[in-house]
Amino acid sequence: MELVYSTLVVAHFIGLAAIVGPFLVQMRKNGDFAIAAVFGGAITQLVSGLLLVGVAEMGDGDLNHIKIGVKLVIALLVFVAALLGWLRARKSGNDRSIKKFFHAAGGLALINVVLAVFW
């Protein structure tokens, strides 16, 4: 079970890198956003996070369900922002129209990292 948990943690970190990496690199740009990478990272983060909680529930440790709930809500907001940005990019191709979704997904992901570390 430790191997499964460790593999999920690696997947979770890769999802985080796919969101935060493009966000930090492209934060000051006005176009050509890597919204597809952010959307893929959001999916990876959400799925691996849920699976990590499931694996942790099977163990003996106590979980902070309030923290998990708050982080889940933020992760869902990241997913929705990335999804809306990805759909808008596919539909219109207008980079200025997806900027707010790109920044919302990246900023919320950073908030989730801060919560994970300091809470």
PDB file of N, CA and C in Angstrom:
ATOM      1  N   MET A   1       0.823  -1.193   0.000  1.00  0.00           N
ATOM      2  CA  MET A   1       0.000   0.000   0.000  1.00  0.00           C
ATOM      3  C   MET A   1       0.870   1.262   0.000  1.00  0.00           C
ATOM      4  N   GLU A   2       2.054   1.160   0.575  1.00  0.00           N
ATOM      5  CA  GLU A   2       2.968   2.306   0.601  1.00  0.00           C
ATOM      6  C   GLU A   2       3.381   2.707  -0.816  1.00  0.00           C
ATOM      7  N   LEU A   3       3.557   1.724  -1.696  1.00  0.00           N
ATOM      8  CA  LEU A   3       3.919   2.007  -3.085  1.00  0.00           C
ATOM      9  C   LEU A   3       2.790   2.753  -3.796  1.00  0.00           C
ATOM     10  N   VAL A   4       1.553   2.354  -3.550  1.00  0.00           N
ATOM     11  CA  VAL A   4       0.404   3.030  -4.153  1.00  0.00           C
ATOM     12  C   VAL A   4       0.330   4.477  -3.668  1.00  0.00           C
ATOM     13  N   TYR A   5       0.499   4.660  -2.364  1.00  0.00           N
ATOM     14  CA  TYR A   5       0.447   6.003  -1.788  1.00  0.00           C
ATOM     15  C   TYR A   5       1.558   6.884  -2.368  1.00  0.00           C
ATOM     16  N   SER A   6       2.766   6.351  -2.440  1.00  0.00           N
ATOM     17  CA  SER A   6       3.893   7.121  -2.978  1.00  0.00           C
ATOM     18  C   SER A   6       3.687   7.464  -4.452  1.00  0.00           C
ATOM     19  N   THR A   7       3.138   6.545  -5.211  1.00  0.00           N
ATOM     20  CA  THR A   7       2.856   6.793  -6.626  1.00  0.00           C
ATOM     21  C   THR A   7       1.811   7.896  -6.776  1.00  0.00           C
ATOM     22  N   LEU A   8       0.808   7.886  -5.909  1.00  0.00           N
ATOM     23  CA  LEU A   8      -0.211   8.931  -5.948  1.00  0.00           C
ATOM     24  C   LEU A   8       0.359  10.294  -5.559  1.00  0.00           C
ATOM     25  N   VAL A   9       1.265  10.305  -4.611  1.00  0.00           N
ATOM     26  CA  VAL A   9       1.910  11.568  -4.229  1.00  0.00           C
ATOM     27  C   VAL A   9       2.715  12.126  -5.405  1.00  0.00           C
ATOM     28  N   VAL A  10       3.429  11.266  -6.116  1.00  0.00           N
ATOM     29  CA  VAL A  10       4.184  11.712  -7.295  1.00  0.00           C
ATOM     30  C   VAL A  10       3.227  12.276  -8.348  1.00  0.00           C
ATOM     31  N   ALA A  11       2.118  11.586  -8.589  1.00  0.00           N
ATOM     32  CA  ALA A  11       1.129  12.076  -9.554  1.00  0.00           C
ATOM     33  C   ALA A  11       0.563  13.425  -9.109  1.00  0.00           C
ATOM     34  N   HIS A  12       0.330  13.569  -7.814  1.00  0.00           N
ATOM     35  CA  HIS A  12      -0.191  14.823  -7.264  1.00  0.00           C
ATOM     36  C   HIS A  12       0.798  15.975  -7.487  1.00  0.00           C
ATOM     37  N   PHE A  13       2.088  15.702  -7.273  1.00  0.00           N
ATOM     38  CA  PHE A  13       3.122  16.721  -7.501  1.00  0.00           C
ATOM     39  C   PHE A  13       3.247  17.075  -8.989  1.00  0.00           C
ATOM     40  N   ILE A  14       3.120  16.087  -9.848  1.00  0.00           N
ATOM     41  CA  ILE A  14       3.182  16.357 -11.291  1.00  0.00           C
ATOM     42  C   ILE A  14       2.003  17.227 -11.714  1.00  0.00           C
ATOM     43  N   GLY A  15       0.824  16.934 -11.179  1.00  0.00           N
ATOM     44  CA  GLY A  15      -0.345  17.776 -11.458  1.00  0.00           C
ATOM     45  C   GLY A  15      -0.141  19.195 -10.970  1.00  0.00           C
ATOM     46  N   LEU A  16       0.456  19.323  -9.790  1.00  0.00           N
ATOM     47  CA  LEU A  16       0.746  20.648  -9.245  1.00  0.00           C
ATOM     48  C   LEU A  16       1.720  21.401 -10.150  1.00  0.00           C
ATOM     49  N   ALA A  17       2.746  20.718 -10.605  1.00  0.00           N
ATOM     50  CA  ALA A  17       3.727  21.356 -11.496  1.00  0.00           C
ATOM     51  C   ALA A  17       3.087  21.790 -12.811  1.00  0.00           C
ATOM     52  N   ALA A  18       2.126  21.008 -13.304  1.00  0.00           N
ATOM     53  CA  ALA A  18       1.458  21.346 -14.559  1.00  0.00           C
ATOM     54  C   ALA A  18       0.569  22.578 -14.424  1.00  0.00           C
ATOM     55  N   ILE A  19       0.133  22.882 -13.202  1.00  0.00           N
ATOM     56  CA  ILE A  19      -0.672  24.085 -12.989  1.00  0.00           C
ATOM     57  C   ILE A  19       0.215  25.278 -12.651  1.00  0.00           C
ATOM     58  N   VAL A  20       1.034  25.119 -11.647  1.00  0.00           N
ATOM     59  CA  VAL A  20       1.809  26.239 -11.109  1.00  0.00           C
ATOM     60  C   VAL A  20       2.955  26.640 -12.045  1.00  0.00           C
ATOM     61  N   GLY A  21       3.574  25.681 -12.704  1.00  0.00           N
ATOM     62  CA  GLY A  21       4.684  25.992 -13.605  1.00  0.00           C
ATOM     63  C   GLY A  21       4.288  26.968 -14.705  1.00  0.00           C
ATOM     64  N   PRO A  22       3.301  26.613 -15.537  1.00  0.00           N
ATOM     65  CA  PRO A  22       2.887  27.562 -16.580  1.00  0.00           C
ATOM     66  C   PRO A  22       2.352  28.878 -16.013  1.00  0.00           C
ATOM     67  N   PHE A  23       1.674  28.805 -14.868  1.00  0.00           N
ATOM     68  CA  PHE A  23       1.146  30.027 -14.268  1.00  0.00           C
ATOM     69  C   PHE A  23       2.272  30.996 -13.910  1.00  0.00           C
ATOM     70  N   LEU A  24       3.311  30.495 -13.248  1.00  0.00           N
ATOM     71  CA  LEU A  24       4.404  31.376 -12.843  1.00  0.00           C
ATOM     72  C   LEU A  24       5.202  31.886 -14.040  1.00  0.00           C
ATOM     73  N   VAL A  25       5.377  31.053 -15.041  1.00  0.00           N
ATOM     74  CA  VAL A  25       6.139  31.455 -16.223  1.00  0.00           C
ATOM     75  C   VAL A  25       5.360  32.474 -17.064  1.00  0.00           C
ATOM     76  N   GLN A  26       4.048  32.286 -17.176  1.00  0.00           N
ATOM     77  CA  GLN A  26       3.250  33.111 -18.075  1.00  0.00           C
ATOM     78  C   GLN A  26       2.405  34.158 -17.354  1.00  0.00           C
ATOM     79  N   MET A  27       2.682  34.403 -16.106  1.00  0.00           N
ATOM     80  CA  MET A  27       1.852  35.286 -15.302  1.00  0.00           C
ATOM     81  C   MET A  27       1.736  36.692 -15.910  1.00  0.00           C
ATOM     82  N   ARG A  28       2.764  37.192 -16.479  1.00  0.00           N
ATOM     83  CA  ARG A  28       2.757  38.567 -16.982  1.00  0.00           C
ATOM     84  C   ARG A  28       2.459  38.658 -18.478  1.00  0.00           C
ATOM     85  N   LYS A  29       2.186  37.540 -19.111  1.00  0.00           N
ATOM     86  CA  LYS A  29       1.882  37.546 -20.535  1.00  0.00           C
ATOM     87  C   LYS A  29       0.427  37.948 -20.771  1.00  0.00           C
ATOM     88  N   ASN A  30       0.143  38.355 -21.983  1.00  0.00           N
ATOM     89  CA  ASN A  30      -1.218  38.687 -22.365  1.00  0.00           C
ATOM     90  C   ASN A  30      -1.785  37.712 -23.392  1.00  0.00           C
ATOM     91  N   GLY A  31      -1.052  36.688 -23.694  1.00  0.00           N
ATOM     92  CA  GLY A  31      -1.539  35.723 -24.669  1.00  0.00           C
ATOM     93  C   GLY A  31      -0.707  34.465 -24.658  1.00  0.00           C
ATOM     94  N   ASP A  32      -1.147  33.513 -25.479  1.00  0.00           N
ATOM     95  CA  ASP A  32      -0.454  32.238 -25.650  1.00  0.00           C
ATOM     96  C   ASP A  32      -0.320  31.473 -24.332  1.00  0.00           C
ATOM     97  N   PHE A  33      -1.429  31.403 -23.578  1.00  0.00           N
ATOM     98  CA  PHE A  33      -1.424  30.714 -22.295  1.00  0.00           C
ATOM     99  C   PHE A  33      -1.469  29.200 -22.481  1.00  0.00           C
ATOM    100  N   ALA A  34      -0.785  28.476 -21.604  1.00  0.00           N
ATOM    101  CA  ALA A  34      -0.761  27.012 -21.639  1.00  0.00           C
ATOM    102  C   ALA A  34      -1.936  26.466 -20.837  1.00  0.00           C
ATOM    103  N   ILE A  35      -3.155  26.809 -21.263  1.00  0.00           N
ATOM    104  CA  ILE A  35      -4.350  26.425 -20.512  1.00  0.00           C
ATOM    105  C   ILE A  35      -4.595  24.918 -20.583  1.00  0.00           C
ATOM    106  N   ALA A  36      -4.161  24.269 -21.644  1.00  0.00           N
ATOM    107  CA  ALA A  36      -4.342  22.816 -21.741  1.00  0.00           C
ATOM    108  C   ALA A  36      -3.509  22.098 -20.679  1.00  0.00           C
ATOM    109  N   ALA A  37      -2.304  22.584 -20.435  1.00  0.00           N
ATOM    110  CA  ALA A  37      -1.464  21.994 -19.382  1.00  0.00           C
ATOM    111  C   ALA A  37      -2.087  22.226 -18.007  1.00  0.00           C
ATOM    112  N   VAL A  38      -2.619  23.412 -17.799  1.00  0.00           N
ATOM    113  CA  VAL A  38      -3.259  23.726 -16.518  1.00  0.00           C
ATOM    114  C   VAL A  38      -4.497  22.852 -16.329  1.00  0.00           C
ATOM    115  N   PHE A  39      -5.274  22.655 -17.378  1.00  0.00           N
ATOM    116  CA  PHE A  39      -6.462  21.810 -17.302  1.00  0.00           C
ATOM    117  C   PHE A  39      -6.081  20.354 -17.003  1.00  0.00           C
ATOM    118  N   GLY A  40      -5.069  19.851 -17.677  1.00  0.00           N
ATOM    119  CA  GLY A  40      -4.593  18.492 -17.394  1.00  0.00           C
ATOM    120  C   GLY A  40      -4.072  18.356 -15.985  1.00  0.00           C
ATOM    121  N   GLY A  41      -3.352  19.370 -15.514  1.00  0.00           N
ATOM    122  CA  GLY A  41      -2.859  19.357 -14.140  1.00  0.00           C
ATOM    123  C   GLY A  41      -3.980  19.399 -13.130  1.00  0.00           C
ATOM    124  N   ALA A  42      -5.032  20.159 -13.424  1.00  0.00           N
ATOM    125  CA  ALA A  42      -6.177  20.241 -12.509  1.00  0.00           C
ATOM    126  C   ALA A  42      -6.879  18.889 -12.391  1.00  0.00           C
ATOM    127  N   ILE A  43      -7.019  18.206 -13.510  1.00  0.00           N
ATOM    128  CA  ILE A  43      -7.621  16.869 -13.479  1.00  0.00           C
ATOM    129  C   ILE A  43      -6.742  15.928 -12.660  1.00  0.00           C
ATOM    130  N   THR A  44      -5.449  15.957 -12.915  1.00  0.00           N
ATOM    131  CA  THR A  44      -4.515  15.088 -12.194  1.00  0.00           C
ATOM    132  C   THR A  44      -4.532  15.379 -10.702  1.00  0.00           C
ATOM    133  N   GLN A  45      -4.532  16.651 -10.333  1.00  0.00           N
ATOM    134  CA  GLN A  45      -4.561  17.040  -8.924  1.00  0.00           C
ATOM    135  C   GLN A  45      -5.836  16.551  -8.248  1.00  0.00           C
ATOM    136  N   LEU A  46      -6.962  16.749  -8.888  1.00  0.00           N
ATOM    137  CA  LEU A  46      -8.245  16.377  -8.302  1.00  0.00           C
ATOM    138  C   LEU A  46      -8.351  14.869  -8.109  1.00  0.00           C
ATOM    139  N   VAL A  47      -8.033  14.119  -9.138  1.00  0.00           N
ATOM    140  CA  VAL A  47      -8.150  12.656  -9.061  1.00  0.00           C
ATOM    141  C   VAL A  47      -7.135  12.075  -8.074  1.00  0.00           C
ATOM    142  N   SER A  48      -5.883  12.495  -8.173  1.00  0.00           N
ATOM    143  CA  SER A  48      -4.869  11.943  -7.267  1.00  0.00           C
ATOM    144  C   SER A  48      -5.124  12.369  -5.824  1.00  0.00           C
ATOM    145  N   GLY A  49      -5.627  13.582  -5.617  1.00  0.00           N
ATOM    146  CA  GLY A  49      -5.956  14.030  -4.265  1.00  0.00           C
ATOM    147  C   GLY A  49      -7.061  13.202  -3.644  1.00  0.00           C
ATOM    148  N   LEU A  50      -8.104  12.938  -4.419  1.00  0.00           N
ATOM    149  CA  LEU A  50      -9.199  12.100  -3.915  1.00  0.00           C
ATOM    150  C   LEU A  50      -8.716  10.681  -3.609  1.00  0.00           C
ATOM    151  N   LEU A  51      -7.877  10.154  -4.487  1.00  0.00           N
ATOM    152  CA  LEU A  51      -7.341   8.809  -4.243  1.00  0.00           C
ATOM    153  C   LEU A  51      -6.402   8.780  -3.032  1.00  0.00           C
ATOM    154  N   LEU A  52      -5.639   9.849  -2.832  1.00  0.00           N
ATOM    155  CA  LEU A  52      -4.769   9.928  -1.651  1.00  0.00           C
ATOM    156  C   LEU A  52      -5.590   9.914  -0.367  1.00  0.00           C
ATOM    157  N   VAL A  53      -6.694  10.631  -0.351  1.00  0.00           N
ATOM    158  CA  VAL A  53      -7.567  10.626   0.829  1.00  0.00           C
ATOM    159  C   VAL A  53      -8.164   9.238   1.031  1.00  0.00           C
ATOM    160  N   GLY A  54      -8.556   8.591  -0.050  1.00  0.00           N
ATOM    161  CA  GLY A  54      -9.099   7.236   0.058  1.00  0.00           C
ATOM    162  C   GLY A  54      -8.093   6.253   0.625  1.00  0.00           C
ATOM    163  N   VAL A  55      -6.863   6.324   0.163  1.00  0.00           N
ATOM    164  CA  VAL A  55      -5.813   5.448   0.683  1.00  0.00           C
ATOM    165  C   VAL A  55      -5.522   5.777   2.140  1.00  0.00           C
ATOM    166  N   ALA A  56      -5.498   7.061   2.481  1.00  0.00           N
ATOM    167  CA  ALA A  56      -5.237   7.464   3.868  1.00  0.00           C
ATOM    168  C   ALA A  56      -6.371   7.018   4.788  1.00  0.00           C
ATOM    169  N   GLU A  57      -7.593   7.019   4.290  1.00  0.00           N
ATOM    170  CA  GLU A  57      -8.734   6.558   5.094  1.00  0.00           C
ATOM    171  C   GLU A  57      -8.623   5.071   5.436  1.00  0.00           C
ATOM    172  N   MET A  58      -7.992   4.312   4.573  1.00  0.00           N
ATOM    173  CA  MET A  58      -7.834   2.875   4.833  1.00  0.00           C
ATOM    174  C   MET A  58      -6.800   2.598   5.912  1.00  0.00           C
ATOM    175  N   GLY A  59      -5.934   3.572   6.170  1.00  0.00           N
ATOM    176  CA  GLY A  59      -4.898   3.409   7.185  1.00  0.00           C
ATOM    177  C   GLY A  59      -5.419   3.716   8.572  1.00  0.00           C
ATOM    178  N   ASP A  60      -4.499   3.764   9.527  1.00  0.00           N
ATOM    179  CA  ASP A  60      -4.861   3.977  10.917  1.00  0.00           C
ATOM    180  C   ASP A  60      -4.825   5.434  11.337  1.00  0.00           C
ATOM    181  N   GLY A  61      -4.257   6.313  10.538  1.00  0.00           N
ATOM    182  CA  GLY A  61      -4.064   7.710  10.928  1.00  0.00           C
ATOM    183  C   GLY A  61      -5.355   8.502  10.956  1.00  0.00           C
ATOM    184  N   ASP A  62      -5.345   9.561  11.753  1.00  0.00           N
ATOM    185  CA  ASP A  62      -6.475  10.476  11.803  1.00  0.00           C
ATOM    186  C   ASP A  62      -6.302  11.542  10.728  1.00  0.00           C
ATOM    187  N   LEU A  63      -7.388  11.843  10.047  1.00  0.00           N
ATOM    188  CA  LEU A  63      -7.355  12.849   8.999  1.00  0.00           C
ATOM    189  C   LEU A  63      -8.103  14.097   9.440  1.00  0.00           C
ATOM    190  N   ASN A  64      -7.639  15.236   8.987  1.00  0.00           N
ATOM    191  CA  ASN A  64      -8.312  16.501   9.239  1.00  0.00           C
ATOM    192  C   ASN A  64      -9.329  16.704   8.112  1.00  0.00           C
ATOM    193  N   HIS A  65     -10.559  16.304   8.367  1.00  0.00           N
ATOM    194  CA  HIS A  65     -11.578  16.336   7.316  1.00  0.00           C
ATOM    195  C   HIS A  65     -11.977  17.762   6.929  1.00  0.00           C
ATOM    196  N   ILE A  66     -11.853  18.700   7.840  1.00  0.00           N
ATOM    197  CA  ILE A  66     -12.147  20.099   7.501  1.00  0.00           C
ATOM    198  C   ILE A  66     -11.117  20.602   6.494  1.00  0.00           C
ATOM    199  N   LYS A  67      -9.842  20.312   6.744  1.00  0.00           N
ATOM    200  CA  LYS A  67      -8.778  20.712   5.817  1.00  0.00           C
ATOM    201  C   LYS A  67      -8.996  20.060   4.453  1.00  0.00           C
ATOM    202  N   ILE A  68      -9.317  18.785   4.448  1.00  0.00           N
ATOM    203  CA  ILE A  68      -9.546  18.069   3.198  1.00  0.00           C
ATOM    204  C   ILE A  68     -10.725  18.678   2.450  1.00  0.00           C
ATOM    205  N   GLY A  69     -11.777  19.025   3.167  1.00  0.00           N
ATOM    206  CA  GLY A  69     -12.942  19.641   2.541  1.00  0.00           C
ATOM    207  C   GLY A  69     -12.631  20.989   1.928  1.00  0.00           C
ATOM    208  N   VAL A  70     -11.895  21.821   2.664  1.00  0.00           N
ATOM    209  CA  VAL A  70     -11.526  23.142   2.148  1.00  0.00           C
ATOM    210  C   VAL A  70     -10.647  22.991   0.913  1.00  0.00           C
ATOM    211  N   LYS A  71      -9.662  22.104   0.977  1.00  0.00           N
ATOM    212  CA  LYS A  71      -8.769  21.899  -0.158  1.00  0.00           C
ATOM    213  C   LYS A  71      -9.520  21.313  -1.355  1.00  0.00           C
ATOM    214  N   LEU A  72     -10.518  20.465  -1.097  1.00  0.00           N
ATOM    215  CA  LEU A  72     -11.319  19.907  -2.179  1.00  0.00           C
ATOM    216  C   LEU A  72     -12.132  20.994  -2.877  1.00  0.00           C
ATOM    217  N   VAL A  73     -12.733  21.887  -2.108  1.00  0.00           N
ATOM    218  CA  VAL A  73     -13.505  22.980  -2.702  1.00  0.00           C
ATOM    219  C   VAL A  73     -12.596  23.850  -3.573  1.00  0.00           C
ATOM    220  N   ILE A  74     -11.417  24.174  -3.077  1.00  0.00           N
ATOM    221  CA  ILE A  74     -10.483  24.985  -3.868  1.00  0.00           C
ATOM    222  C   ILE A  74     -10.027  24.226  -5.110  1.00  0.00           C
ATOM    223  N   ALA A  75      -9.764  22.933  -4.969  1.00  0.00           N
ATOM    224  CA  ALA A  75      -9.354  22.124  -6.124  1.00  0.00           C
ATOM    225  C   ALA A  75     -10.470  22.068  -7.171  1.00  0.00           C
ATOM    226  N   LEU A  76     -11.706  22.003  -6.726  1.00  0.00           N
ATOM    227  CA  LEU A  76     -12.825  22.025  -7.672  1.00  0.00           C
ATOM    228  C   LEU A  76     -12.917  23.372  -8.378  1.00  0.00           C
ATOM    229  N   LEU A  77     -12.657  24.455  -7.653  1.00  0.00           N
ATOM    230  CA  LEU A  77     -12.643  25.782  -8.283  1.00  0.00           C
ATOM    231  C   LEU A  77     -11.516  25.901  -9.309  1.00  0.00           C
ATOM    232  N   VAL A  78     -10.351  25.335  -8.987  1.00  0.00           N
ATOM    233  CA  VAL A  78      -9.234  25.315  -9.945  1.00  0.00           C
ATOM    234  C   VAL A  78      -9.648  24.546 -11.194  1.00  0.00           C
ATOM    235  N   PHE A  79     -10.276  23.388 -10.995  1.00  0.00           N
ATOM    236  CA  PHE A  79     -10.722  22.556 -12.113  1.00  0.00           C
ATOM    237  C   PHE A  79     -11.729  23.308 -12.981  1.00  0.00           C
ATOM    238  N   VAL A  80     -12.713  23.949 -12.345  1.00  0.00           N
ATOM    239  CA  VAL A  80     -13.743  24.674 -13.100  1.00  0.00           C
ATOM    240  C   VAL A  80     -13.125  25.839 -13.873  1.00  0.00           C
ATOM    241  N   ALA A  81     -12.234  26.596 -13.240  1.00  0.00           N
ATOM    242  CA  ALA A  81     -11.580  27.710 -13.932  1.00  0.00           C
ATOM    243  C   ALA A  81     -10.769  27.204 -15.121  1.00  0.00           C
ATOM    244  N   ALA A  82     -10.029  26.127 -14.926  1.00  0.00           N
ATOM    245  CA  ALA A  82      -9.227  25.568 -16.020  1.00  0.00           C
ATOM    246  C   ALA A  82     -10.125  25.019 -17.128  1.00  0.00           C
ATOM    247  N   LEU A  83     -11.207  24.361 -16.750  1.00  0.00           N
ATOM    248  CA  LEU A  83     -12.146  23.818 -17.743  1.00  0.00           C
ATOM    249  C   LEU A  83     -12.771  24.943 -18.567  1.00  0.00           C
ATOM    250  N   LEU A  84     -13.244  25.997 -17.891  1.00  0.00           N
ATOM    251  CA  LEU A  84     -13.853  27.109 -18.611  1.00  0.00           C
ATOM    252  C   LEU A  84     -12.841  27.798 -19.533  1.00  0.00           C
ATOM    253  N   GLY A  85     -11.626  27.959 -19.062  1.00  0.00           N
ATOM    254  CA  GLY A  85     -10.587  28.544 -19.902  1.00  0.00           C
ATOM    255  C   GLY A  85     -10.257  27.672 -21.089  1.00  0.00           C
ATOM    256  N   TRP A  86     -10.168  26.381 -20.859  1.00  0.00           N
ATOM    257  CA  TRP A  86      -9.859  25.436 -21.941  1.00  0.00           C
ATOM    258  C   TRP A  86     -10.975  25.423 -22.978  1.00  0.00           C
ATOM    259  N   LEU A  87     -12.229  25.412 -22.499  1.00  0.00           N
ATOM    260  CA  LEU A  87     -13.362  25.421 -23.432  1.00  0.00           C
ATOM    261  C   LEU A  87     -13.414  26.721 -24.229  1.00  0.00           C
ATOM    262  N   ARG A  88     -13.157  27.837 -23.569  1.00  0.00           N
ATOM    263  CA  ARG A  88     -13.165  29.120 -24.266  1.00  0.00           C
ATOM    264  C   ARG A  88     -12.023  29.185 -25.275  1.00  0.00           C
ATOM    265  N   ALA A  89     -10.858  28.640 -24.930  1.00  0.00           N
ATOM    266  CA  ALA A  89      -9.724  28.641 -25.863  1.00  0.00           C
ATOM    267  C   ALA A  89     -10.033  27.786 -27.087  1.00  0.00           C
ATOM    268  N   ARG A  90     -10.707  26.677 -26.871  1.00  0.00           N
ATOM    269  CA  ARG A  90     -11.086  25.814 -27.992  1.00  0.00           C
ATOM    270  C   ARG A  90     -12.117  26.481 -28.886  1.00  0.00           C
ATOM    271  N   LYS A  91     -13.040  27.199 -28.245  1.00  0.00           N
ATOM    272  CA  LYS A  91     -14.142  27.819 -28.987  1.00  0.00           C
ATOM    273  C   LYS A  91     -13.698  29.045 -29.770  1.00  0.00           C
ATOM    274  N   SER A  92     -13.021  29.957 -29.095  1.00  0.00           N
ATOM    275  CA  SER A  92     -12.728  31.239 -29.733  1.00  0.00           C
ATOM    276  C   SER A  92     -11.264  31.408 -30.128  1.00  0.00           C
ATOM    277  N   GLY A  93     -10.375  30.793 -29.373  1.00  0.00           N
ATOM    278  CA  GLY A  93      -8.963  30.983 -29.646  1.00  0.00           C
ATOM    279  C   GLY A  93      -8.449  32.343 -29.202  1.00  0.00           C
ATOM    280  N   ASN A  94      -9.300  33.129 -28.547  1.00  0.00           N
ATOM    281  CA  ASN A  94      -8.930  34.461 -28.081  1.00  0.00           C
ATOM    282  C   ASN A  94      -8.220  34.342 -26.737  1.00  0.00           C
ATOM    283  N   ASP A  95      -6.926  34.643 -26.718  1.00  0.00           N
ATOM    284  CA  ASP A  95      -6.149  34.491 -25.492  1.00  0.00           C
ATOM    285  C   ASP A  95      -6.557  35.468 -24.396  1.00  0.00           C
ATOM    286  N   ARG A  96      -7.012  36.640 -24.782  1.00  0.00           N
ATOM    287  CA  ARG A  96      -7.393  37.627 -23.768  1.00  0.00           C
ATOM    288  C   ARG A  96      -8.629  37.172 -22.999  1.00  0.00           C
ATOM    289  N   SER A  97      -9.480  36.381 -23.627  1.00  0.00           N
ATOM    290  CA  SER A  97     -10.691  35.933 -22.948  1.00  0.00           C
ATOM    291  C   SER A  97     -10.414  34.807 -21.945  1.00  0.00           C
ATOM    292  N   ILE A  98      -9.282  34.122 -22.074  1.00  0.00           N
ATOM    293  CA  ILE A  98      -8.993  33.042 -21.126  1.00  0.00           C
ATOM    294  C   ILE A  98      -8.034  33.480 -20.022  1.00  0.00           C
ATOM    295  N   LYS A  99      -7.539  34.696 -20.113  1.00  0.00           N
ATOM    296  CA  LYS A  99      -6.555  35.174 -19.138  1.00  0.00           C
ATOM    297  C   LYS A  99      -7.094  35.090 -17.715  1.00  0.00           C
ATOM    298  N   LYS A 100      -8.334  35.503 -17.495  1.00  0.00           N
ATOM    299  CA  LYS A 100      -8.896  35.492 -16.142  1.00  0.00           C
ATOM    300  C   LYS A 100      -9.033  34.065 -15.607  1.00  0.00           C
ATOM    301  N   PHE A 101      -9.365  33.120 -16.475  1.00  0.00           N
ATOM    302  CA  PHE A 101      -9.487  31.731 -16.029  1.00  0.00           C
ATOM    303  C   PHE A 101      -8.112  31.143 -15.710  1.00  0.00           C
ATOM    304  N   PHE A 102      -7.139  31.481 -16.542  1.00  0.00           N
ATOM    305  CA  PHE A 102      -5.767  31.022 -16.334  1.00  0.00           C
ATOM    306  C   PHE A 102      -5.231  31.530 -14.995  1.00  0.00           C
ATOM    307  N   HIS A 103      -5.432  32.807 -14.728  1.00  0.00           N
ATOM    308  CA  HIS A 103      -4.949  33.402 -13.480  1.00  0.00           C
ATOM    309  C   HIS A 103      -5.731  32.888 -12.263  1.00  0.00           C
ATOM    310  N   ALA A 104      -7.017  32.672 -12.418  1.00  0.00           N
ATOM    311  CA  ALA A 104      -7.814  32.136 -11.311  1.00  0.00           C
ATOM    312  C   ALA A 104      -7.341  30.728 -10.946  1.00  0.00           C
ATOM    313  N   ALA A 105      -7.130  29.883 -11.948  1.00  0.00           N
ATOM    314  CA  ALA A 105      -6.684  28.512 -11.685  1.00  0.00           C
ATOM    315  C   ALA A 105      -5.303  28.507 -11.036  1.00  0.00           C
ATOM    316  N   GLY A 106      -4.386  29.293 -11.554  1.00  0.00           N
ATOM    317  CA  GLY A 106      -3.037  29.340 -10.994  1.00  0.00           C
ATOM    318  C   GLY A 106      -3.000  29.913  -9.591  1.00  0.00           C
ATOM    319  N   GLY A 107      -3.717  31.000  -9.373  1.00  0.00           N
ATOM    320  CA  GLY A 107      -3.740  31.626  -8.052  1.00  0.00           C
ATOM    321  C   GLY A 107      -4.381  30.733  -7.001  1.00  0.00           C
ATOM    322  N   LEU A 108      -5.489  30.104  -7.357  1.00  0.00           N
ATOM    323  CA  LEU A 108      -6.142  29.192  -6.403  1.00  0.00           C
ATOM    324  C   LEU A 108      -5.276  27.972  -6.109  1.00  0.00           C
ATOM    325  N   ALA A 109      -4.548  27.492  -7.110  1.00  0.00           N
ATOM    326  CA  ALA A 109      -3.643  26.364  -6.876  1.00  0.00           C
ATOM    327  C   ALA A 109      -2.545  26.750  -5.892  1.00  0.00           C
ATOM    328  N   LEU A 110      -2.031  27.965  -6.012  1.00  0.00           N
ATOM    329  CA  LEU A 110      -1.020  28.433  -5.062  1.00  0.00           C
ATOM    330  C   LEU A 110      -1.598  28.553  -3.652  1.00  0.00           C
ATOM    331  N   ILE A 111      -2.830  29.015  -3.543  1.00  0.00           N
ATOM    332  CA  ILE A 111      -3.492  29.068  -2.232  1.00  0.00           C
ATOM    333  C   ILE A 111      -3.608  27.665  -1.649  1.00  0.00           C
ATOM    334  N   ASN A 112      -3.933  26.694  -2.485  1.00  0.00           N
ATOM    335  CA  ASN A 112      -4.043  25.309  -2.015  1.00  0.00           C
ATOM    336  C   ASN A 112      -2.701  24.767  -1.527  1.00  0.00           C
ATOM    337  N   VAL A 113      -1.617  25.159  -2.186  1.00  0.00           N
ATOM    338  CA  VAL A 113      -0.287  24.746  -1.738  1.00  0.00           C
ATOM    339  C   VAL A 113       0.019  25.341  -0.364  1.00  0.00           C
ATOM    340  N   VAL A 114      -0.290  26.612  -0.196  1.00  0.00           N
ATOM    341  CA  VAL A 114      -0.050  27.269   1.086  1.00  0.00           C
ATOM    342  C   VAL A 114      -0.871  26.596   2.199  1.00  0.00           C
ATOM    343  N   LEU A 115      -2.118  26.260   1.910  1.00  0.00           N
ATOM    344  CA  LEU A 115      -2.944  25.551   2.892  1.00  0.00           C
ATOM    345  C   LEU A 115      -2.359  24.174   3.236  1.00  0.00           C
ATOM    346  N   ALA A 116      -1.871  23.488   2.218  1.00  0.00           N
ATOM    347  CA  ALA A 116      -1.298  22.154   2.452  1.00  0.00           C
ATOM    348  C   ALA A 116      -0.075  22.227   3.357  1.00  0.00           C
ATOM    349  N   VAL A 117       0.717  23.251   3.206  1.00  0.00           N
ATOM    350  CA  VAL A 117       1.961  23.349   3.948  1.00  0.00           C
ATOM    351  C   VAL A 117       1.740  23.891   5.354  1.00  0.00           C
ATOM    352  N   PHE A 118       0.942  24.946   5.470  1.00  0.00           N
ATOM    353  CA  PHE A 118       0.848  25.645   6.752  1.00  0.00           C
ATOM    354  C   PHE A 118      -0.322  25.236   7.629  1.00  0.00           C
ATOM    355  N   TRP A 119      -1.280  24.457   7.120  1.00  0.00           N
ATOM    356  CA  TRP A 119      -2.436  24.062   7.937  1.00  0.00           C
ATOM    357  C   TRP A 119      -2.197  22.697   8.498  1.00  0.00           C
TER     358      TRP A 119
END
